[in-house]
Protein backbone atom coordinates (compact mmCIF):
# COMPACT_ATOMS: atom_id res chain seq x y z
CA MET A 1 7.08 17.85 -2.15
CA LYS A 2 4.35 16.83 -4.64
CA LEU A 3 6.77 14.20 -6.30
CA ILE A 4 7.91 12.89 -2.77
CA PHE A 5 4.32 12.49 -1.74
CA LEU A 6 3.09 10.76 -4.72
CA VAL A 7 5.90 8.27 -4.55
CA ALA A 8 5.37 7.62 -1.03
CA LEU A 9 1.78 7.11 -1.34
CA SER A 10 2.11 4.74 -4.19
CA LEU A 11 5.02 2.71 -2.28
CA VAL A 12 2.54 2.32 0.61
CA ALA A 13 -0.11 1.00 -1.74
CA PHE A 14 2.20 -1.66 -3.25
CA ALA A 15 3.34 -2.67 0.59
CA ALA A 16 -0.15 -3.03 1.21
CA ASN A 17 -1.12 -4.95 -1.44
CA SER A 18 1.74 -7.15 -0.61
CA ILE A 19 0.39 -7.64 2.82
CA LEU A 20 -3.06 -8.46 1.54
CA CYS A 21 -1.68 -11.21 -0.83
CA ARG A 22 0.35 -12.82 1.89
CA MET A 23 -2.59 -12.80 4.41
CA ALA A 24 -4.71 -14.41 1.50
CA LEU A 25 -2.42 -17.10 0.41
CA ARG A 26 -1.09 -17.95 4.10
CA GLU A 27 -4.48 -18.44 5.43
CA ALA A 28 -5.42 -20.42 2.43
CA VAL A 29 -8.81 -18.65 1.86
CA ILE A 30 -8.11 -18.31 -1.99
CA ASP A 31 -5.94 -19.86 -4.51
CA ALA A 32 -3.40 -18.40 -6.28
CA THR A 33 -4.98 -18.44 -9.82
CA SER A 34 -8.61 -17.04 -8.39
CA PHE A 35 -6.67 -14.43 -6.25
CA THR A 36 -4.73 -13.22 -9.55
CA THR A 37 -7.83 -13.13 -11.69
CA LEU A 38 -9.89 -11.25 -9.33
CA ARG A 39 -7.25 -8.91 -8.20
CA LEU A 40 -6.93 -7.97 -12.20
CA ALA A 41 -10.51 -7.89 -12.70
CA SER A 42 -11.35 -5.81 -9.82
CA GLY A 43 -8.49 -3.26 -10.75
CA ALA A 44 -9.50 -2.94 -14.08
CA LEU A 45 -13.19 -2.02 -13.05
CA ALA A 46 -12.11 0.60 -10.70
CA LEU A 47 -9.53 1.89 -13.31
CA TRP A 48 -12.42 1.98 -16.03
CA LEU A 49 -14.48 3.96 -13.69
CA ILE A 50 -11.76 6.48 -13.12
CA GLU A 51 -11.33 6.69 -16.81
CA LEU A 52 -15.15 7.30 -17.54
CA LEU A 53 -14.99 10.19 -14.74
CA LEU A 54 -11.85 11.76 -16.18
CA ARG A 55 -13.63 11.42 -19.86
CA GLU A 56 -16.86 13.45 -18.36
CA ARG A 57 -14.72 16.14 -17.28
CA ASN A 58 -12.81 16.54 -20.55
CA PRO A 59 -14.79 14.88 -23.39
CA SER A 60 -13.05 16.91 -26.06
CA THR A 61 -9.83 15.48 -25.33
CA ALA A 62 -10.85 11.72 -25.32
CA THR A 63 -9.96 11.14 -28.94
CA SER A 64 -6.44 12.43 -28.41
CA ASP A 65 -5.92 10.80 -24.91
CA ASP A 66 -6.84 7.43 -26.74
CA ALA A 67 -4.25 7.92 -29.23
CA MET A 68 -1.74 8.85 -26.81
CA ALA A 69 -2.47 5.97 -24.58
CA ASP A 70 -2.33 3.42 -27.78
CA GLU A 71 0.92 4.76 -28.63
CA ALA A 72 2.52 4.31 -25.27
CA THR A 73 0.66 1.03 -24.06
CA PRO A 74 2.39 -1.89 -26.00
CA TRP A 75 0.96 -5.43 -25.54
CA ALA A 76 4.17 -6.24 -23.79
CA MET A 77 3.05 -4.48 -20.65
CA SER A 78 -0.09 -6.37 -20.29
CA VAL A 79 1.73 -9.55 -20.70
CA ALA A 80 4.40 -8.22 -18.16
CA LEU A 81 1.78 -7.31 -15.57
CA PHE A 82 -0.21 -10.44 -15.95
CA ALA A 83 3.07 -12.53 -15.64
CA TYR A 84 4.21 -10.49 -12.51
CA ALA A 85 0.79 -10.98 -10.82
CA ILE A 86 0.40 -14.75 -11.59
CA LEU A 87 4.03 -15.85 -10.64
CA PHE A 88 4.01 -13.65 -7.60
CA SER A 89 0.70 -15.54 -6.42
CA ILE A 90 1.99 -19.05 -7.18
CA ALA A 91 5.62 -18.39 -5.95
CA TYR A 92 4.37 -17.98 -2.57
CA ASN A 93 2.82 -21.43 -2.22
CA TRP A 94 6.49 -22.42 -1.67
CA LEU A 95 8.47 -19.57 -0.30
CA ASN A 96 8.14 -17.73 2.97
CA ALA A 97 7.94 -13.84 2.94
CA ALA A 98 11.68 -13.44 3.50
CA THR A 99 12.69 -15.64 0.68
CA GLY A 100 10.12 -14.27 -1.68
CA ALA A 101 10.87 -10.56 -1.05
CA LEU A 102 14.53 -10.76 -1.26
CA ALA A 103 14.02 -12.69 -4.85
CA LEU A 104 11.37 -10.54 -5.92
CA PHE A 105 13.02 -7.14 -5.33
CA GLY A 106 16.42 -8.28 -6.23
CA SER A 107 15.18 -9.34 -9.68
CA VAL A 108 13.47 -5.92 -10.03
CA GLN A 109 16.48 -3.95 -9.08
CA VAL A 110 18.69 -6.11 -11.76
CA THR A 111 16.08 -5.78 -14.48
CA MET A 112 15.57 -2.08 -14.01
CA LEU A 113 19.45 -1.50 -13.83
CA ILE A 114 20.01 -3.30 -17.23
CA PHE A 115 16.95 -0.98 -18.66
CA SER A 116 18.83 2.06 -17.29
CA ARG A 117 22.17 1.02 -18.89
CA PHE A 118 20.54 -0.07 -22.24
CA ARG A 119 18.91 3.45 -22.56
CA GLY A 120 22.04 4.93 -21.72
CA GLU A 121 20.64 7.13 -19.02
CA PRO A 122 23.16 9.18 -17.24
CA THR A 123 24.11 8.38 -13.59
CA GLN A 124 25.94 9.99 -10.76
CA TRP A 125 28.02 8.47 -8.36
CA MET A 126 25.72 9.28 -5.43
CA GLN A 127 23.10 7.11 -7.38
CA TRP A 128 25.29 4.38 -7.30
CA VAL A 129 26.22 4.66 -3.76
CA GLY A 130 22.65 4.67 -2.86
CA PHE A 131 21.71 1.71 -4.93
CA GLY A 132 24.29 -0.14 -3.33
CA LEU A 133 23.49 0.95 0.11
CA SER A 134 19.79 0.32 -0.28
CA ASN A 135 20.55 -3.34 -1.42
CA ALA A 136 22.91 -3.84 1.39
CA GLY A 137 20.01 -2.97 3.60
CA LEU A 138 17.58 -5.37 1.84
CA VAL A 139 19.93 -8.27 2.11
CA TYR A 140 20.85 -7.43 5.95
CA LEU A 141 17.22 -7.21 6.46
CA PHE A 142 16.25 -10.71 4.92
CA LEU A 143 19.32 -12.92 4.12
CA PRO A 144 19.94 -14.08 7.73
CA ASN A 145 16.18 -15.23 7.67
CA VAL A 146 16.38 -16.89 4.40
CA GLU A 147 16.19 -20.83 4.62
CA ALA A 148 17.25 -23.14 1.71
CA PRO A 149 14.67 -21.87 -0.84
CA ASN A 150 12.51 -24.14 -3.03
CA PRO A 151 14.03 -24.04 -6.43
CA VAL A 152 10.80 -23.89 -8.33
CA GLY A 153 9.19 -21.14 -6.03
CA LEU A 154 12.62 -19.15 -6.23
CA LEU A 155 12.44 -19.21 -10.09
CA LEU A 156 8.97 -18.33 -10.26
CA MET A 157 9.37 -15.23 -7.86
CA CYS A 158 12.60 -14.13 -9.60
CA LEU A 159 10.68 -14.35 -13.07
CA SER A 160 7.80 -12.24 -11.56
CA GLY A 161 10.25 -9.68 -10.48
CA MET A 162 11.74 -9.45 -13.85
CA ALA A 163 8.09 -9.10 -15.22
CA TRP A 164 7.53 -6.00 -12.58
CA GLY A 165 10.82 -4.44 -13.62
CA VAL A 166 9.92 -4.90 -17.29
CA TYR A 167 6.37 -3.22 -16.61
CA SER A 168 7.75 -0.36 -14.59
CA ALA A 169 10.47 0.47 -17.00
CA LEU A 170 8.03 0.46 -19.95
CA GLY A 171 5.53 2.49 -18.26
CA ARG A 172 7.98 5.68 -18.22
CA GLY A 173 6.45 6.32 -21.60
CA ALA A 174 2.98 6.45 -20.73
CA ARG A 175 1.77 10.12 -21.26
CA LYS A 176 -1.72 9.09 -20.09
CA PRO A 177 -0.84 6.79 -17.31
CA ILE A 178 -4.40 6.41 -15.93
CA ILE A 179 -5.83 5.28 -19.38
CA ALA A 180 -2.80 3.31 -20.14
CA THR A 181 -2.72 1.29 -16.96
CA SER A 182 -6.58 0.76 -17.28
CA ARG A 183 -5.97 -0.85 -20.66
CA ASN A 184 -3.05 -2.89 -19.35
CA PHE A 185 -5.51 -4.32 -16.43
CA ARG A 186 -8.32 -5.16 -19.05
CA ARG A 187 -5.91 -6.52 -21.50
CA SER A 188 -4.32 -9.10 -18.85
CA LEU A 189 -7.68 -10.51 -18.24
CA ILE A 190 -7.55 -11.90 -21.66
CA LEU A 191 -4.79 -14.32 -20.12
CA ALA A 192 -6.20 -14.61 -16.57
CA ILE A 193 -9.85 -15.63 -17.37
CA PRO A 194 -9.04 -18.54 -19.61
CA LEU A 195 -6.40 -19.70 -16.99
CA SER A 196 -8.76 -19.67 -14.22
CA LEU A 197 -11.33 -21.51 -16.12
CA CYS A 198 -8.78 -24.16 -17.02
CA MET A 199 -7.96 -24.47 -13.30
CA PHE A 200 -11.65 -23.96 -11.92
CA GLY A 201 -11.82 -27.59 -10.78
CA MET A 202 -9.04 -26.83 -8.43
CA ALA A 203 -10.05 -23.22 -7.28
CA LYS A 204 -10.70 -22.50 -3.69
CA PHE A 205 -12.13 -19.45 -2.48
CA GLU A 206 -13.75 -18.00 0.85
CA ILE A 207 -15.47 -14.81 1.36
CA GLN A 208 -12.31 -13.38 3.07
CA GLY A 209 -10.39 -14.20 0.27
CA LEU A 210 -12.42 -12.78 -2.29
CA LEU A 211 -12.39 -9.39 -0.19
CA LEU A 212 -8.73 -9.58 0.07
CA ALA A 213 -8.25 -10.21 -3.65
CA ALA A 214 -10.84 -7.40 -4.60
CA VAL A 215 -9.20 -4.73 -2.37
CA SER A 216 -5.90 -5.80 -3.45
CA GLY A 217 -6.87 -5.22 -7.15
CA SER A 218 -8.93 -2.02 -6.94
CA ILE A 219 -7.17 0.02 -4.45
CA THR A 220 -3.80 -1.10 -3.63
CA SER A 221 -2.98 -2.26 -7.23
CA GLY A 222 -5.09 -0.34 -9.66
CA ILE A 223 -5.14 3.02 -8.06
CA GLY A 224 -1.70 2.34 -6.63
CA TYR A 225 -0.37 1.82 -10.27
CA VAL A 226 -1.96 5.19 -11.22
CA ILE A 227 -0.17 7.20 -8.38
CA TRP A 228 3.08 5.55 -9.31
CA TYR A 229 3.04 6.26 -13.11
CA ARG A 230 2.09 9.95 -12.17
CA ALA A 231 5.39 10.30 -10.50
CA LEU A 232 7.52 7.95 -12.64
CA PRO A 233 8.08 10.25 -15.53
CA ASN A 234 9.97 12.49 -13.16
CA LEU A 235 12.36 9.92 -12.07
CA SER A 236 15.11 8.00 -13.79
CA THR A 237 15.05 4.34 -13.96
CA LEU A 238 17.63 4.13 -11.26
CA GLN A 239 15.84 6.31 -8.98
CA ALA A 240 12.65 4.47 -9.45
CA SER A 241 14.41 1.22 -8.79
CA ILE A 242 15.86 2.58 -5.77
CA ALA A 243 12.52 3.99 -4.33
CA GLN A 244 10.80 0.58 -4.74
CA LEU A 245 13.29 -0.87 -2.31
CA LEU A 246 11.28 1.01 0.35
CA VAL A 247 8.26 -1.20 -0.09
CA PRO A 248 9.79 -4.28 1.83
CA ILE A 249 10.23 -1.77 4.81
CA ILE A 250 6.79 -0.47 4.78
CA ALA A 251 5.31 -3.96 4.17
CA ALA A 252 7.37 -5.34 7.49
CA LEU A 253 5.99 -2.31 9.51
CA GLY A 254 2.56 -3.26 8.15
CA GLY A 255 3.01 -6.60 9.33
CA ILE A 256 4.05 -5.69 12.64
CA LEU A 257 0.65 -3.57 12.95
CA PHE A 258 -1.75 -5.80 11.28
CA LEU A 259 -0.26 -9.21 11.50
CA LYS A 260 1.43 -8.97 15.12
CA GLU A 261 4.99 -9.32 13.91
CA GLU A 262 7.83 -8.11 16.16
CA MET A 263 9.88 -5.16 15.73
CA THR A 264 13.63 -5.83 15.73
CA SER A 265 16.80 -4.03 15.86
CA ARG A 266 17.82 -5.60 12.45
CA LEU A 267 14.67 -4.03 10.95
CA ILE A 268 15.29 -0.60 12.42
CA ILE A 269 19.09 -0.82 10.93
CA ALA A 270 17.98 -2.00 7.85
CA GLY A 271 15.36 0.67 7.50
CA LEU A 272 18.06 3.21 8.05
CA LEU A 273 20.17 1.75 5.25
CA ILE A 274 17.45 1.66 2.87
CA LEU A 275 16.17 5.04 3.65
CA GLY A 276 19.58 6.48 3.18
CA GLY A 277 20.18 4.58 -0.06
CA ILE A 278 16.94 6.20 -1.24
CA ALA A 279 17.70 9.65 -0.30
CA LEU A 280 21.03 9.91 -1.94
CA PRO A 281 19.87 9.93 -5.85
CA PHE A 282 17.59 12.60 -4.88
CA ALA A 283 20.29 14.86 -3.34
CA ARG A 284 21.76 17.47 -5.55
CA ARG A 285 25.23 17.74 -6.23
CA PRO A 286 26.89 20.62 -4.53
CA LYS A 287 28.15 23.62 -6.93
CA LEU A 288 32.05 24.10 -6.72
CA ALA A 289 33.08 27.41 -5.42
CA PHE A 290 35.86 27.67 -7.84
CA LYS A 291 36.80 26.11 -11.35
CA LEU A 292 39.77 23.92 -11.87
CA SER A 293 42.31 25.18 -14.23
């Protein structure tokens, strides 16, 4: 139950982050580069404060925690985090929500599946059925509403999904997820801040946009990632990739509540398909009552 709660909480955070980003960029209250930089900066600050609190509670373990964090926090994760965040924001300048979500989560699934096969992780037939069922539900939800996408935006969103898939797969090795995630956010600023300075002449931001980016970074990104990495070591790569398929459904429901979008029968049917696909990999195989000779 604790694992299910952590997974559900992190997925809600990811979905809320998607809603905040869509809202900010759709209303043009901030540009994509400024949103990304402020999102990463506020996330780094929130995670640094959490890290300080943990060190005060257990000062004797600070050195060993740093060593384990360094061991499990390659620079590739920080680069992947920055790539995901900036490409995601820029791509939504050209794509609508349906196209972007389909491209993002489709590329995430492919990337994490490749990692799963490369690592030789064992899989059961129920996991593959669940994987296919969940993806079918996601396609059913979004594909009929997808217009001919802008090729530049589509490419950027697919690359963003690939970066998120790499970041998630690499993060499974973090034995100190809070410290590792905090360091990834701080390191990503080494790339984000110079980019913002270069683009400062075209920057645009209002108070609403700054607030949306700050909440997105500190709460729904930073803290959400910490919760996710608490749960991730207990999931296989395939289970983690299937669970993330729930994010578009939660985001769609959030859009109904906060953006006044309409509930449709298509959303209900797709939600049932995706939820069913997510449940299958967590089901235990029934034990045979007899042995075959």
